[in-house]
Protein backbone atom coordinates (compact mmCIF):
# COMPACT_ATOMS: atom_id res chain seq x y z
CA UNK A 1 0.00 0.00 0.00
CA UNK A 2 1.58 3.31 -1.06
CA UNK A 3 0.92 5.26 2.13
CA UNK A 4 1.90 2.81 4.79
CA UNK A 5 4.95 0.73 5.64
CA UNK A 6 6.45 -1.06 8.58
CA UNK A 7 8.35 2.11 9.41
CA UNK A 8 5.09 4.01 9.69
CA UNK A 9 3.55 4.43 13.15
CA UNK A 10 0.19 3.61 11.57
CA UNK A 11 0.80 -0.13 11.37
CA UNK A 12 3.33 -2.02 13.46
CA UNK A 13 4.42 -5.48 12.40
CA UNK A 14 5.64 -7.59 15.31
CA UNK A 15 9.07 -9.21 15.34
CA UNK A 16 9.44 -11.95 12.77
CA UNK A 17 11.94 -14.78 12.48
CA UNK A 18 12.52 -14.05 8.80
CA UNK A 19 15.81 -12.49 7.73
CA UNK A 20 14.25 -10.14 5.20
CA UNK A 21 14.57 -6.50 6.18
CA UNK A 22 11.08 -5.54 7.44
CA UNK A 23 11.20 -2.08 5.89
CA UNK A 24 11.60 -3.58 2.42
CA UNK A 25 9.70 -6.80 2.86
CA UNK A 26 7.78 -7.63 -0.35
CA UNK A 27 4.52 -7.96 1.55
CA UNK A 28 4.57 -4.26 2.40
CA UNK A 29 6.14 -2.71 -0.70
CA UNK A 30 3.82 -0.44 -2.69
CA UNK A 31 1.79 -2.40 -5.20
CA UNK A 32 1.93 -1.50 -8.90
CA UNK A 33 -0.68 1.02 -9.95
CA UNK A 34 -3.78 -1.00 -10.86
CA UNK A 35 -5.42 -0.48 -14.22
CA UNK A 36 -8.37 1.94 -14.23
CA UNK A 37 -11.65 0.20 -13.45
CA UNK A 38 -13.98 -0.66 -16.26
CA UNK A 39 -16.72 1.99 -16.49
CA UNK A 40 -19.90 0.57 -14.97
CA UNK A 41 -22.85 0.02 -17.22
CA UNK A 42 -26.34 0.80 -16.09
CA UNK A 43 -28.53 -2.14 -15.23
CA UNK A 44 -32.21 -1.16 -15.00
CA UNK A 45 -32.89 -4.26 -12.86
CA UNK A 46 -30.15 -3.48 -10.35
CA UNK A 47 -32.61 -2.71 -7.57
CA UNK A 48 -35.09 -5.51 -8.22
CA UNK A 49 -34.88 -8.23 -5.60
CA UNK A 50 -34.47 -11.36 -7.69
CA UNK A 51 -31.81 -10.01 -10.09
CA UNK A 52 -29.91 -8.52 -7.16
CA UNK A 53 -29.93 -11.85 -5.35
CA UNK A 54 -28.84 -13.69 -8.47
CA UNK A 55 -25.81 -11.44 -8.90
CA UNK A 56 -24.36 -13.40 -6.00
CA UNK A 57 -23.96 -16.18 -8.58
CA UNK A 58 -23.48 -13.99 -11.61
CA UNK A 59 -20.51 -12.22 -10.05
CA UNK A 60 -18.59 -15.50 -10.17
CA UNK A 61 -18.51 -18.42 -12.55
CA UNK A 62 -17.31 -20.86 -9.96
CA UNK A 63 -15.10 -21.11 -6.90
CA UNK A 64 -11.70 -20.61 -8.56
CA UNK A 65 -9.65 -18.48 -6.20
CA UNK A 66 -6.86 -17.77 -8.64
CA UNK A 67 -8.79 -16.72 -11.74
CA UNK A 68 -8.34 -13.00 -10.90
CA UNK A 69 -4.75 -12.45 -9.83
CA UNK A 70 -5.34 -8.78 -9.00
CA UNK A 71 -7.84 -9.72 -6.28
CA UNK A 72 -6.26 -12.98 -5.08
CA UNK A 73 -5.75 -12.36 -1.34
CA UNK A 74 -3.17 -14.99 -0.39
CA UNK A 75 0.40 -13.76 0.04
CA UNK A 76 2.95 -16.51 0.66
CA UNK A 77 5.78 -13.98 1.04
CA UNK A 78 4.50 -12.13 4.09
CA UNK A 79 6.32 -13.02 7.30
CA UNK A 80 4.75 -15.26 9.90
CA UNK A 81 3.45 -13.19 12.79
CA UNK A 82 4.26 -13.80 16.44
CA UNK A 83 1.66 -11.32 17.68
CA UNK A 84 -1.21 -9.30 16.24
CA UNK A 85 -0.79 -6.44 13.77
CA UNK A 86 -1.39 -3.12 15.50
CA UNK A 87 -2.77 -0.05 13.77
CA UNK A 88 -3.21 3.54 14.95
CA UNK A 89 -5.62 4.27 12.11
CA UNK A 90 -9.41 4.14 12.38
CA UNK A 91 -11.21 1.16 10.91
CA UNK A 92 -11.49 1.67 7.13
CA UNK A 93 -15.23 1.52 6.61
CA UNK A 94 -16.27 4.89 7.99
CA UNK A 95 -13.91 6.74 5.64
CA UNK A 96 -14.85 4.65 2.59
CA UNK A 97 -18.54 5.19 3.37
CA UNK A 98 -17.92 8.96 3.41
CA UNK A 99 -16.15 8.83 0.04
CA UNK A 100 -18.83 6.62 -1.51
CA UNK A 101 -21.60 8.91 -0.29
CA UNK A 102 -19.80 11.85 -1.86
CA UNK A 103 -19.28 10.08 -5.20
CA UNK A 104 -22.58 8.16 -5.28
CA UNK A 105 -25.21 9.87 -3.09
CA UNK A 106 -27.86 7.62 -4.66
CA UNK A 107 -26.53 4.68 -2.61
CA UNK A 108 -28.54 5.95 0.37
CA UNK A 109 -31.69 4.75 -1.43
CA UNK A 110 -30.60 1.16 -0.73
CA UNK A 111 -30.92 1.63 3.04
CA UNK A 112 -34.03 0.07 4.59
CA UNK A 113 -35.60 -3.24 5.51
CA UNK A 114 -36.15 -6.37 3.44
CA UNK A 115 -39.71 -7.60 4.11
CA UNK A 116 -38.99 -10.93 2.44
CA UNK A 117 -36.53 -11.92 5.21
CA UNK A 118 -39.14 -12.77 7.84
CA UNK A 119 -40.98 -15.13 5.48
CA UNK A 120 -37.77 -16.89 4.53
CA UNK A 121 -36.92 -17.26 8.21
CA UNK A 122 -40.26 -18.88 9.02
CA UNK A 123 -39.80 -21.30 6.11
CA UNK A 124 -36.26 -22.20 7.22
CA UNK A 125 -37.27 -22.85 10.83
CA UNK A 126 -40.21 -25.04 9.81
CA UNK A 127 -38.09 -26.89 7.25
CA UNK A 128 -35.30 -27.60 9.74
CA UNK A 129 -37.73 -29.03 12.29
CA UNK A 130 -39.50 -31.02 9.56
CA UNK A 131 -36.24 -32.66 8.46
CA UNK A 132 -35.31 -33.40 12.08
CA UNK A 133 -38.68 -35.08 12.67
CA UNK A 134 -38.56 -37.00 9.39
CA UNK A 135 -35.20 -38.68 10.13
CA UNK A 136 -35.54 -38.99 13.90
CA UNK A 137 -35.64 -42.81 13.73
CA UNK A 138 -32.44 -43.07 11.66
CA UNK A 139 -29.96 -41.47 14.05
CA UNK A 140 -26.43 -42.75 13.54
CA UNK A 141 -26.95 -44.24 10.09
CA UNK A 142 -24.87 -43.17 7.09
CA UNK A 143 -27.86 -41.53 5.42
CA UNK A 144 -28.61 -39.64 8.65
CA UNK A 145 -25.08 -38.20 8.67
CA UNK A 146 -25.38 -37.19 5.02
CA UNK A 147 -28.71 -35.42 5.57
CA UNK A 148 -27.45 -33.78 8.77
CA UNK A 149 -24.34 -32.43 7.06
CA UNK A 150 -25.65 -31.36 3.67
CA UNK A 151 -29.08 -30.15 4.80
CA UNK A 152 -28.85 -29.61 8.56
CA UNK A 153 -25.54 -27.75 8.55
CA UNK A 154 -26.53 -25.63 5.56
CA UNK A 155 -29.78 -24.55 7.21
CA UNK A 156 -27.97 -23.95 10.52
CA UNK A 157 -25.61 -21.52 8.82
CA UNK A 158 -28.54 -19.87 7.07
CA UNK A 159 -30.28 -19.37 10.42
CA UNK A 160 -27.13 -17.95 12.01
CA UNK A 161 -26.83 -15.41 9.21
CA UNK A 162 -30.54 -14.66 9.15
CA UNK A 163 -30.11 -13.72 12.82
CA UNK A 164 -27.28 -11.43 11.72
CA UNK A 165 -29.67 -9.62 9.39
CA UNK A 166 -32.37 -9.41 12.04
CA UNK A 167 -30.16 -7.94 14.78
CA UNK A 168 -29.35 -5.11 12.38
CA UNK A 169 -33.11 -4.36 12.24
CA UNK A 170 -33.06 -5.15 8.52
CA UNK A 171 -36.08 -7.47 8.65
CA UNK A 172 -38.32 -5.39 10.91
CA UNK A 173 -38.02 -1.74 11.91
CA UNK A 174 -39.13 -2.22 15.50
CA UNK A 175 -36.30 -3.22 17.86
CA UNK A 176 -38.52 -5.27 20.19
CA UNK A 177 -40.06 -7.19 17.30
CA UNK A 178 -36.60 -7.72 15.84
CA UNK A 179 -35.45 -9.31 19.11
CA UNK A 180 -38.48 -11.60 19.13
CA UNK A 181 -37.88 -12.59 15.51
CA UNK A 182 -34.22 -13.22 16.27
CA UNK A 183 -35.15 -15.58 19.10
CA UNK A 184 -37.64 -17.38 16.85
CA UNK A 185 -35.00 -17.69 14.11
CA UNK A 186 -32.54 -19.46 16.37
CA UNK A 187 -34.99 -21.96 17.91
CA UNK A 188 -33.67 -24.94 15.87
CA UNK A 189 -30.19 -24.12 17.22
CA UNK A 190 -30.34 -25.41 20.82
CA UNK A 191 -28.18 -22.67 22.36
CA UNK A 192 -29.63 -19.27 23.27
CA UNK A 193 -27.39 -16.77 21.48
CA UNK A 194 -29.59 -14.25 19.66
CA UNK A 195 -29.65 -11.54 22.35
CA UNK A 196 -25.95 -11.88 23.20
CA UNK A 197 -25.01 -11.76 19.55
CA UNK A 198 -26.96 -8.55 19.04
CA UNK A 199 -25.00 -6.70 21.73
CA UNK A 200 -21.55 -7.98 20.80
CA UNK A 201 -22.07 -7.54 17.07
CA UNK A 202 -22.95 -3.86 17.37
CA UNK A 203 -19.65 -3.32 19.19
CA UNK A 204 -17.82 -5.17 16.41
CA UNK A 205 -19.20 -2.65 13.89
CA UNK A 206 -18.58 0.44 16.01
CA UNK A 207 -15.02 -0.44 17.04
CA UNK A 208 -13.74 -3.05 14.61
CA UNK A 209 -10.46 -4.49 15.83
CA UNK A 210 -10.46 -2.73 19.21
CA UNK A 211 -8.75 -5.10 21.64
CA UNK A 212 -11.01 -4.16 24.56
CA UNK A 213 -14.35 -4.26 22.74
CA UNK A 214 -14.35 -6.39 19.59
CA UNK A 215 -14.92 -10.00 20.67
CA UNK A 216 -14.61 -11.10 17.05
CA UNK A 217 -10.84 -10.91 17.63
CA UNK A 218 -9.03 -14.09 18.68
CA UNK A 219 -7.27 -13.98 22.04
CA UNK A 220 -3.48 -13.99 22.33
CA UNK A 221 -3.71 -17.54 23.68
CA UNK A 222 -5.49 -18.69 20.53
CA UNK A 223 -2.74 -17.13 18.42
CA UNK A 224 0.08 -18.75 20.39
CA UNK A 225 -1.46 -22.20 20.78
CA UNK A 226 -3.03 -22.90 17.38
CA UNK A 227 0.11 -23.09 15.26
CA UNK A 228 0.86 -25.69 12.61
CA UNK A 229 -1.51 -27.61 10.32
CA UNK A 230 -2.85 -30.09 12.91
CA UNK A 231 -3.71 -27.54 15.59
CA UNK A 232 -5.09 -25.09 13.02
CA UNK A 233 -7.35 -27.84 11.69
CA UNK A 234 -8.61 -28.42 15.24
CA UNK A 235 -9.15 -24.67 15.60
CA UNK A 236 -11.17 -24.67 12.42
CA UNK A 237 -13.26 -27.61 13.64
CA UNK A 238 -14.01 -25.70 16.86
CA UNK A 239 -14.43 -22.24 15.35
CA UNK A 240 -18.11 -21.94 16.31
CA UNK A 241 -17.31 -22.91 19.89
CA UNK A 242 -14.69 -20.17 20.13
CA UNK A 243 -17.09 -17.59 18.72
CA UNK A 244 -19.72 -18.67 21.25
CA UNK A 245 -17.63 -18.76 24.45
CA UNK A 246 -14.95 -16.14 23.74
CA UNK A 247 -17.19 -13.13 24.54
CA UNK A 248 -18.19 -14.65 27.88
CA UNK A 249 -14.54 -14.61 29.01
CA UNK A 250 -13.21 -11.55 27.17
CA UNK A 251 -16.13 -9.15 27.71
CA UNK A 252 -18.84 -10.61 29.96
CA UNK A 253 -22.06 -8.66 30.18
CA UNK A 254 -24.75 -8.47 32.83
CA UNK A 255 -27.73 -10.69 31.90
CA UNK A 256 -31.04 -9.00 31.19
CA UNK A 257 -34.64 -10.16 31.01
CA UNK A 258 -34.16 -10.59 27.27
CA UNK A 259 -31.37 -13.10 27.92
CA UNK A 260 -33.64 -14.99 30.30
CA UNK A 261 -36.49 -15.02 27.79
CA UNK A 262 -34.13 -16.21 25.06
CA UNK A 263 -33.10 -19.24 27.14
CA UNK A 264 -36.67 -20.00 28.25
CA UNK A 265 -37.92 -19.93 24.66
CA UNK A 266 -35.14 -22.19 23.35
CA UNK A 267 -35.41 -24.73 26.19
CA UNK A 268 -39.22 -24.77 26.27
CA UNK A 269 -39.77 -25.17 22.51
CA UNK A 270 -37.07 -27.77 21.99
CA UNK A 271 -38.03 -29.59 25.19
CA UNK A 272 -41.64 -29.84 24.03
CA UNK A 273 -40.68 -31.03 20.53
CA UNK A 274 -38.32 -33.61 22.03
CA UNK A 275 -41.06 -34.84 24.35
CA UNK A 276 -43.50 -35.25 21.46
CA UNK A 277 -41.17 -36.66 18.78
CA UNK A 278 -38.30 -38.16 20.76
CA UNK A 279 -34.59 -37.52 21.24
CA UNK A 280 -33.83 -38.06 17.55
CA UNK A 281 -34.93 -34.49 16.80
CA UNK A 282 -32.53 -33.00 19.34
CA UNK A 283 -29.74 -35.30 18.14
CA UNK A 284 -30.14 -33.88 14.63
CA UNK A 285 -30.04 -30.30 15.92
CA UNK A 286 -26.95 -30.86 18.07
CA UNK A 287 -25.11 -32.81 15.35
CA UNK A 288 -25.85 -30.12 12.76
CA UNK A 289 -24.49 -27.49 15.16
CA UNK A 290 -21.30 -29.46 15.83
CA UNK A 291 -20.60 -30.44 12.23
CA UNK A 292 -21.32 -27.03 10.72
CA UNK A 293 -17.84 -25.82 11.72
CA UNK A 294 -16.51 -28.03 8.91
CA UNK A 295 -19.14 -26.92 6.40
CA UNK A 296 -17.89 -24.70 3.53
CA UNK A 297 -20.12 -21.88 4.78
CA UNK A 298 -18.04 -21.77 7.98
CA UNK A 299 -15.25 -20.31 5.90
CA UNK A 300 -16.80 -16.89 6.39
CA UNK A 301 -15.59 -16.84 10.02
CA UNK A 302 -11.99 -16.95 8.75
CA UNK A 303 -12.44 -15.05 5.49
CA UNK A 304 -14.14 -11.89 6.74
CA UNK A 305 -11.41 -10.18 8.77
CA UNK A 306 -8.26 -12.30 8.77
CA UNK A 307 -5.40 -10.40 7.12
CA UNK A 308 -4.17 -12.28 4.06
CA UNK A 309 -2.69 -9.52 1.91
CA UNK A 310 -1.17 -6.12 2.71
CA UNK A 311 -3.14 -4.37 5.44
CA UNK A 312 -6.62 -5.20 4.13
CA UNK A 313 -8.64 -6.15 7.21
CA UNK A 314 -12.03 -6.89 5.68
CA UNK A 315 -12.60 -9.20 2.72
CA UNK A 316 -15.68 -9.82 0.64
CA UNK A 317 -16.54 -13.20 -0.85
CA UNK A 318 -18.21 -13.34 -4.26
CA UNK A 319 -19.42 -16.90 -4.73
CA UNK A 320 -22.59 -18.97 -4.96
CA UNK A 321 -22.75 -19.75 -1.23
CA UNK A 322 -24.01 -16.21 -0.74
CA UNK A 323 -27.37 -17.58 -1.88
CA UNK A 324 -27.75 -19.66 1.29
CA UNK A 325 -26.02 -17.24 3.68
CA UNK A 326 -27.97 -14.03 3.14
CA UNK A 327 -25.14 -12.46 1.10
CA UNK A 328 -22.87 -12.24 4.13
CA UNK A 329 -20.00 -12.64 1.68
CA UNK A 330 -20.51 -9.01 0.63
CA UNK A 331 -18.71 -8.09 3.81
CA UNK A 332 -16.92 -4.90 2.83
CA UNK A 333 -20.21 -3.66 1.45
CA UNK A 334 -22.00 -4.65 4.67
CA UNK A 335 -19.49 -2.92 6.94
CA UNK A 336 -19.53 0.18 4.76
CA UNK A 337 -23.35 0.30 4.83
CA UNK A 338 -24.72 -1.83 7.70
CA UNK A 339 -28.17 -0.33 7.11
CA UNK A 340 -28.50 -1.98 3.69
CA UNK A 341 -30.27 -5.40 3.74
CA UNK A 342 -28.81 -8.52 2.20
CA UNK A 343 -30.79 -8.39 -1.06
CA UNK A 344 -29.30 -4.99 -1.93
CA UNK A 345 -25.66 -5.51 -0.96
CA UNK A 346 -24.68 -6.64 -4.50
CA UNK A 347 -26.17 -3.40 -5.77
CA UNK A 348 -23.64 -1.42 -3.72
CA UNK A 349 -20.78 -3.09 -5.54
CA UNK A 350 -22.53 -2.64 -8.88
CA UNK A 351 -23.10 1.07 -8.24
CA UNK A 352 -19.59 1.77 -6.89
CA UNK A 353 -17.19 -0.58 -8.71
CA UNK A 354 -14.25 1.83 -8.40
CA UNK A 355 -14.33 1.37 -4.61
CA UNK A 356 -14.53 -2.44 -4.55
CA UNK A 357 -13.10 -3.98 -7.72
CA UNK A 358 -9.46 -3.60 -6.64
CA UNK A 359 -9.87 -4.66 -3.00
CA UNK A 360 -8.54 -8.19 -2.25
CA UNK A 361 -11.47 -10.59 -2.08
CA UNK A 362 -12.30 -14.28 -1.89
CA UNK A 363 -14.13 -16.48 -4.37
CA UNK A 364 -14.07 -19.71 -2.36
CA UNK A 365 -14.65 -20.18 1.35
CA UNK A 366 -13.44 -23.77 1.04
CA UNK A 367 -10.13 -22.48 -0.31
CA UNK A 368 -9.90 -20.02 2.59
CA UNK A 369 -10.26 -22.90 5.05
CA UNK A 370 -7.68 -24.96 3.17
CA UNK A 371 -5.17 -22.11 3.00
CA UNK A 372 -5.68 -21.29 6.68
CA UNK A 373 -4.67 -24.83 7.62
CA UNK A 374 -1.82 -25.28 5.13
CA UNK A 375 -0.14 -21.86 4.89
CA UNK A 376 2.47 -21.41 7.67
CA UNK A 377 2.13 -17.61 7.66
CA UNK A 378 -1.64 -17.64 8.27
CA UNK A 379 -2.58 -18.09 11.94
CA UNK A 380 -5.07 -16.54 14.40
CA UNK A 381 -2.49 -13.73 14.79
CA UNK A 382 -3.37 -12.48 11.28
CA UNK A 383 -5.75 -9.84 12.60
CA UNK A 384 -5.41 -6.08 12.92
CA UNK A 385 -5.86 -4.67 16.41
CA UNK A 386 -6.29 -1.10 17.56
CA UNK A 387 -7.02 0.67 20.81
CA UNK A 388 -9.46 3.48 20.14
CA UNK A 389 -12.24 3.11 22.69
CA UNK A 390 -11.20 6.36 24.43
CA UNK A 391 -11.35 8.24 21.14
CA UNK A 392 -14.75 6.72 20.38
CA UNK A 393 -16.14 7.74 23.79
CA UNK A 394 -14.95 11.31 23.26
CA UNK A 395 -16.70 11.39 19.88
CA UNK A 396 -19.89 10.07 21.48
């Protein structure tokens, strides 16, 4: 990046065992000037729901990570980190949002709710319970494992990411109704997380990378311990567990009546269904939750904010799995405009290609998972940290 180097106080690279001079390390030399972006062409259907959703597929013709070398995010030359990358700069999304709003003021028209989300959520919840009931007498069989992985895990990820949409109030305008819908959405997942996730996720957006606030960041222990292919594979297999329990240790919060209601709803509904249909239903739910860490959709946990190239700290994914994950792959677009619902995120990229086409991005979450395990210089330490909570409080 032309305006930052290891000598700059803006980004400090920790000590590395490599012999290459840090100041001139290839990973941090200025990149060649990219070619000018192709002028966008107007698409009259850009704001229609179905075409916008389908651009999640149309943007890519497959999951080939290397087909666009200018956006390929993996850098084998960067040194292996022994601690996190520290930055004194603000998170990048606020500034890019300001520049986009100046260049494309029409983007504000995309902000709002997506009414279709609540109907999709109801269908997903009913479908997940229907599958669980249908195969409740086949627990442990080969076909049961296949259905649990390919259907159960896929729907579980969809429900997780539907909750993500709902906590942003992008399905319903009313905050109370959004909380209730979020609790309903997560009923087939037998752990009460919707209310906790809402609180922690807002902090992740406000202070991305802040060591005291952002519980999306791995702990130093995770970075030190999960080194090497075997331990990184184990980390990947337990990634959902870390995301669930890390906030409770790093930044515990005082329980509220909403937390209590969340647990009562999850335990009561699943307890009643188990009593009526047997333990096979709960076995399906638990197995789908455990196995979904090794589902391709779980790659988004690694892909979104792990630093793979230069100092880019947020990465979008443009592949077909966006269709079953509420376009969470459009992650730069989402962080730039968190008030835009999932169906319109592709439209942001289409309207503002000069801001997104040359940012490193992913085209395969499966490849992200594979590279995380196999590349020695990619570990939980590949995250940018900052300490700006005092500055944020002054601004508030």
